[in-house]
Amino acid sequence: MVHTYDRLFKCEVRRGVPAWKAFVAPFGLIVAGCSGSNNAASYYSGTPATLLATPAQYAFSLDNNTPEPVSVTRSAGTFSSLGLSVADPTIVGVTVPALSGATATFSVIPIAHGATTITATDSTGSSSSVNIATASCGRPPSLVAAQQAYPASGATGVPTSIGILYFVAYFSNGVGVSGHLHLIVGTHGTLEGGPLDVATLPPGTVLPTPIPLPNVSDTIVSATIPALASGQQYQTQLYNDTCQPAVLAGTFST
């Protein structure tokens, strides 16, 4: 899927104004780095170059949770920015690209069973795609459901520096706490949180209505997150087995 843009990305570096390193553009697109000399525009203004993503396709084997590196090269010029759009961000996550001359690199993180496409687009609109698949399995899920507890699901005006989120996680009886937090940014962006840890809710937090599920135990868990973008919508998902669907926990906006 090739994302449609309202505008091309452009970074200008002026004297005394530091270049930004990464932000989430409209629609949750993950964009990496601009840099340049003082009083100079740092975008490529010549004929658009072609982009080549390597590998062009990759299938994660069962229980292989190691992030897969992807490189994107330009046929001419250098990168000033690179946006990543994940067609189905419930399947994989992507890291913020690192830019070095005519090469950009990022990693793909498996989240759940399925297949999706990642499209990388530079500031001139040139793009290249990577097709990703993850393996399925026949084992039953051990993480059955989750509810976002803090901030409450649907909360608005969440501070971008909140740093940690809390959930009620429902695990099959006899299964210990395990898993990670995955966030969907806007429509096609992703952001990865830390591992799930047993936690105590902040004072005054009102628990969501419990989900009536048989043969499960509910546990309060937390996960750290990096700084968020302002004015952005987020969905939260928990996962502990990449051959299973991730479970939607809630939503919030900054």
Protein backbone atom coordinates (compact mmCIF):
# COMPACT_ATOMS: atom_id res chain seq x y z
CA MET A 1 0.00 0.00 0.00
CA VAL A 2 1.43 3.39 -0.99
CA HIS A 3 0.38 6.15 1.38
CA THR A 4 -1.17 9.31 -0.08
CA TYR A 5 0.41 12.50 1.19
CA ASP A 6 -1.03 15.96 1.78
CA ARG A 7 2.44 17.37 1.21
CA LEU A 8 6.04 16.34 0.71
CA PHE A 9 8.30 16.31 3.74
CA LYS A 10 10.80 19.14 3.90
CA CYS A 11 13.29 20.11 6.59
CA GLU A 12 15.13 23.38 6.80
CA VAL A 13 17.95 24.04 9.21
CA ARG A 14 18.50 27.68 10.15
CA ARG A 15 21.18 29.22 12.33
CA GLY A 16 20.43 28.56 15.97
CA VAL A 17 17.54 26.20 15.24
CA PRO A 18 18.38 22.50 15.83
CA ALA A 19 17.27 19.99 13.21
CA TRP A 20 14.59 17.52 14.30
CA LYS A 21 15.53 13.90 14.45
CA ALA A 22 12.24 12.06 14.12
CA PHE A 23 8.52 12.75 14.30
CA VAL A 24 5.21 11.14 13.50
CA ALA A 25 3.63 12.93 10.58
CA PRO A 26 -0.12 13.09 9.86
CA PHE A 27 -1.76 9.65 9.55
CA GLY A 28 0.84 8.13 11.88
CA LEU A 29 3.59 7.89 9.28
CA ILE A 30 6.97 7.34 10.92
CA VAL A 31 9.53 9.80 9.59
CA ALA A 32 13.24 9.94 10.34
CA GLY A 33 15.72 12.66 10.53
CA CYS A 34 16.61 15.91 8.88
CA SER A 35 19.96 17.56 9.19
CA GLY A 36 21.92 20.14 7.24
CA SER A 37 24.15 23.18 7.34
CA ASN A 38 23.06 26.58 8.62
CA ASN A 39 20.67 28.52 6.38
CA ALA A 40 20.42 25.57 3.98
CA ALA A 41 17.46 23.45 2.96
CA SER A 42 18.25 19.80 3.55
CA TYR A 43 15.88 18.16 1.12
CA TYR A 44 16.80 16.63 -2.21
CA SER A 45 15.65 18.99 -4.98
CA GLY A 46 16.84 17.20 -8.09
CA THR A 47 15.15 14.52 -10.21
CA PRO A 48 13.44 12.01 -7.87
CA ALA A 49 15.62 8.98 -7.34
CA THR A 50 14.40 5.41 -7.33
CA LEU A 51 14.42 3.53 -4.02
CA LEU A 52 15.26 -0.13 -3.47
CA ALA A 53 14.32 -1.91 -0.24
CA THR A 54 16.30 -5.05 0.68
CA PRO A 55 15.00 -7.63 1.35
CA ALA A 56 11.90 -7.01 -0.76
CA GLN A 57 10.09 -9.75 1.15
CA TYR A 58 10.69 -11.65 4.36
CA ALA A 59 8.85 -14.42 6.23
CA PHE A 60 9.44 -14.83 9.96
CA SER A 61 9.72 -18.49 10.90
CA LEU A 62 7.72 -19.85 13.84
CA ASP A 63 8.95 -18.47 17.18
CA ASN A 64 11.53 -16.26 15.48
CA ASN A 65 11.06 -12.94 17.25
CA THR A 66 14.36 -11.39 16.21
CA PRO A 67 13.84 -8.02 14.47
CA GLU A 68 14.65 -8.19 10.76
CA PRO A 69 16.88 -5.37 9.43
CA VAL A 70 15.86 -3.69 6.18
CA SER A 71 17.98 -1.30 4.12
CA VAL A 72 16.69 1.21 1.58
CA THR A 73 19.08 2.67 -0.98
CA ARG A 74 18.70 5.59 -3.38
CA SER A 75 19.81 5.55 -7.00
CA ALA A 76 20.98 9.17 -6.65
CA GLY A 77 21.34 11.85 -4.02
CA THR A 78 21.14 11.38 -0.26
CA PHE A 79 18.29 10.86 2.18
CA SER A 80 16.98 13.84 4.15
CA SER A 81 13.94 11.95 5.44
CA LEU A 82 12.21 8.61 5.05
CA GLY A 83 8.61 7.81 5.97
CA LEU A 84 7.42 4.28 6.81
CA SER A 85 3.81 3.21 6.38
CA VAL A 86 2.62 -0.23 7.57
CA ALA A 87 -0.47 -1.43 5.72
CA ASP A 88 -1.62 -3.53 8.70
CA PRO A 89 0.15 -2.24 11.83
CA THR A 90 -1.38 -5.01 13.97
CA ILE A 91 1.03 -7.51 12.32
CA VAL A 92 4.45 -5.86 12.67
CA GLY A 93 6.13 -2.81 14.09
CA VAL A 94 8.98 -0.77 12.59
CA THR A 95 11.77 1.23 14.16
CA VAL A 96 12.59 4.83 13.24
CA PRO A 97 14.90 4.76 10.19
CA ALA A 98 18.57 5.65 10.54
CA LEU A 99 19.80 7.76 7.63
CA SER A 100 23.34 7.66 6.26
CA GLY A 101 23.93 9.26 2.86
CA ALA A 102 22.16 7.23 0.17
CA THR A 103 21.19 4.44 2.61
CA ALA A 104 18.49 4.20 5.26
CA THR A 105 18.05 1.28 7.64
CA PHE A 106 15.24 0.18 9.94
CA SER A 107 14.09 -3.02 11.62
CA VAL A 108 10.83 -4.95 11.38
CA ILE A 109 9.46 -6.35 14.66
CA PRO A 110 7.02 -9.29 14.49
CA ILE A 111 3.86 -8.73 16.55
CA ALA A 112 1.19 -11.21 15.43
CA HIS A 113 0.35 -13.84 12.83
CA GLY A 114 -0.45 -12.53 9.35
CA ALA A 115 0.98 -10.70 6.36
CA THR A 116 1.40 -7.03 5.53
CA THR A 117 3.38 -4.55 3.44
CA ILE A 118 5.71 -1.79 4.60
CA THR A 119 6.17 1.16 2.22
CA ALA A 120 9.17 3.46 2.53
CA THR A 121 8.77 6.91 0.93
CA ASP A 122 11.34 9.69 0.68
CA SER A 123 10.83 13.45 0.60
CA THR A 124 10.41 13.50 -3.20
CA GLY A 125 7.63 10.88 -3.17
CA SER A 126 9.75 7.97 -4.43
CA SER A 127 8.92 4.71 -2.66
CA SER A 128 9.78 1.05 -2.28
CA SER A 129 7.93 -1.73 -0.44
CA VAL A 130 8.71 -4.79 1.68
CA ASN A 131 6.27 -7.69 1.98
CA ILE A 132 6.28 -9.32 5.43
CA ALA A 133 4.68 -12.54 6.69
CA THR A 134 4.69 -14.15 10.13
CA ALA A 135 4.15 -17.82 10.93
CA SER A 136 0.97 -19.36 12.35
CA CYS A 137 0.67 -22.18 14.90
CA GLY A 138 -1.94 -24.45 16.44
CA ARG A 139 -1.33 -23.69 20.10
CA PRO A 140 -4.00 -21.86 22.11
CA PRO A 141 -3.31 -18.27 23.19
CA SER A 142 -2.05 -17.69 26.73
CA LEU A 143 -2.76 -13.93 26.69
CA VAL A 144 -6.51 -13.92 26.14
CA ALA A 145 -7.59 -10.29 26.55
CA ALA A 146 -6.46 -6.92 27.90
CA GLN A 147 -7.94 -3.61 29.04
CA GLN A 148 -6.18 -0.27 29.14
CA ALA A 149 -6.45 1.01 32.72
CA TYR A 150 -4.24 4.12 32.89
CA PRO A 151 -4.78 6.32 31.10
CA ALA A 152 -8.38 5.18 30.74
CA SER A 153 -9.29 3.98 27.27
CA GLY A 154 -10.52 6.91 25.19
CA ALA A 155 -8.61 9.48 27.25
CA THR A 156 -7.63 12.71 25.50
CA GLY A 157 -4.87 15.20 26.22
CA VAL A 158 -2.52 12.50 27.53
CA PRO A 159 0.91 14.04 28.26
CA THR A 160 3.51 13.16 25.63
CA SER A 161 5.95 12.41 28.46
CA ILE A 162 3.65 10.00 30.33
CA GLY A 163 6.37 7.32 30.10
CA ILE A 164 4.40 4.31 31.36
CA LEU A 165 0.98 2.75 30.67
CA TYR A 166 -1.05 0.36 32.84
CA PHE A 167 -3.33 -2.50 31.82
CA VAL A 168 -5.45 -5.35 33.10
CA ALA A 169 -4.12 -8.44 31.32
CA TYR A 170 -6.05 -11.73 31.23
CA PHE A 171 -3.80 -14.79 31.10
CA SER A 172 -4.84 -18.43 30.97
CA ASN A 173 -4.78 -20.02 34.42
CA GLY A 174 -1.32 -21.18 35.37
CA VAL A 175 0.44 -18.90 32.88
CA GLY A 176 2.84 -16.28 34.21
CA VAL A 177 3.02 -12.68 33.07
CA SER A 178 4.84 -12.26 29.78
CA GLY A 179 4.61 -10.11 26.68
CA HIS A 180 5.19 -6.64 25.30
CA LEU A 181 3.30 -3.46 24.47
CA HIS A 182 2.73 -2.43 20.84
CA LEU A 183 1.16 0.89 19.86
CA ILE A 184 -0.52 1.81 16.58
CA VAL A 185 0.08 5.46 15.75
CA GLY A 186 -2.65 7.05 13.68
CA THR A 187 -3.57 4.70 10.84
CA HIS A 188 -0.31 3.21 9.55
CA GLY A 189 2.37 4.08 12.09
CA THR A 190 3.78 2.00 14.96
CA LEU A 191 5.64 2.53 18.22
CA GLU A 192 7.07 -0.16 20.47
CA GLY A 193 6.75 -0.19 24.25
CA GLY A 194 8.67 -2.23 26.77
CA PRO A 195 8.00 -5.66 28.27
CA LEU A 196 5.01 -6.27 30.54
CA ASP A 197 5.73 -6.18 34.27
CA VAL A 198 3.46 -6.86 37.24
CA ALA A 199 2.48 -3.45 38.60
CA THR A 200 0.31 -1.46 41.01
CA LEU A 201 -2.07 1.09 39.55
CA PRO A 202 -1.50 4.78 40.28
CA PRO A 203 -3.64 6.01 43.20
CA GLY A 204 -7.17 6.96 42.22
CA THR A 205 -7.24 4.89 39.02
CA VAL A 206 -10.70 3.46 38.32
CA LEU A 207 -10.51 -0.09 36.99
CA PRO A 208 -12.49 -0.94 33.86
CA THR A 209 -15.39 -3.36 34.20
CA PRO A 210 -13.89 -6.87 34.28
CA ILE A 211 -14.30 -9.08 31.22
CA PRO A 212 -16.13 -12.31 32.21
CA LEU A 213 -13.84 -15.01 30.83
CA PRO A 214 -13.53 -18.63 31.99
CA ASN A 215 -10.24 -20.19 33.10
CA VAL A 216 -8.26 -16.96 33.18
CA SER A 217 -6.56 -14.82 35.81
CA ASP A 218 -6.43 -11.04 35.57
CA THR A 219 -3.26 -9.18 36.51
CA ILE A 220 -2.31 -5.50 36.59
CA VAL A 221 0.67 -4.96 34.32
CA SER A 222 2.60 -1.96 33.05
CA ALA A 223 4.96 -1.16 30.20
CA THR A 224 7.22 1.78 29.51
CA ILE A 225 6.93 3.83 26.33
CA PRO A 226 9.14 6.42 24.62
CA ALA A 227 8.07 10.04 24.22
CA LEU A 228 4.85 10.44 22.26
CA ALA A 229 3.90 12.87 19.49
CA SER A 230 1.52 15.69 20.33
CA GLY A 231 -1.96 15.78 18.80
CA GLN A 232 -1.83 12.10 17.84
CA GLN A 233 -4.19 9.12 18.16
CA TYR A 234 -2.87 5.84 19.62
CA GLN A 235 -4.18 2.30 19.96
CA THR A 236 -2.58 -0.05 22.48
CA GLN A 237 -2.07 -3.78 21.95
CA LEU A 238 -0.48 -6.45 24.14
CA TYR A 239 1.13 -9.57 22.73
CA ASN A 240 3.23 -12.47 24.00
CA ASP A 241 3.16 -14.93 21.10
CA THR A 242 3.82 -13.73 17.55
CA CYS A 243 1.92 -16.68 16.05
CA GLN A 244 -1.28 -15.39 17.73
CA PRO A 245 -3.25 -12.18 17.15
CA ALA A 246 -2.31 -9.32 19.44
CA VAL A 247 -5.08 -8.23 21.84
CA LEU A 248 -6.45 -4.68 21.63
CA ALA A 249 -6.36 -3.02 25.04
CA GLY A 250 -7.63 0.51 24.36
CA THR A 251 -7.06 3.91 22.80
CA PHE A 252 -5.97 7.40 23.80
CA SER A 253 -4.82 10.64 22.24
CA THR A 254 -2.25 13.27 23.19
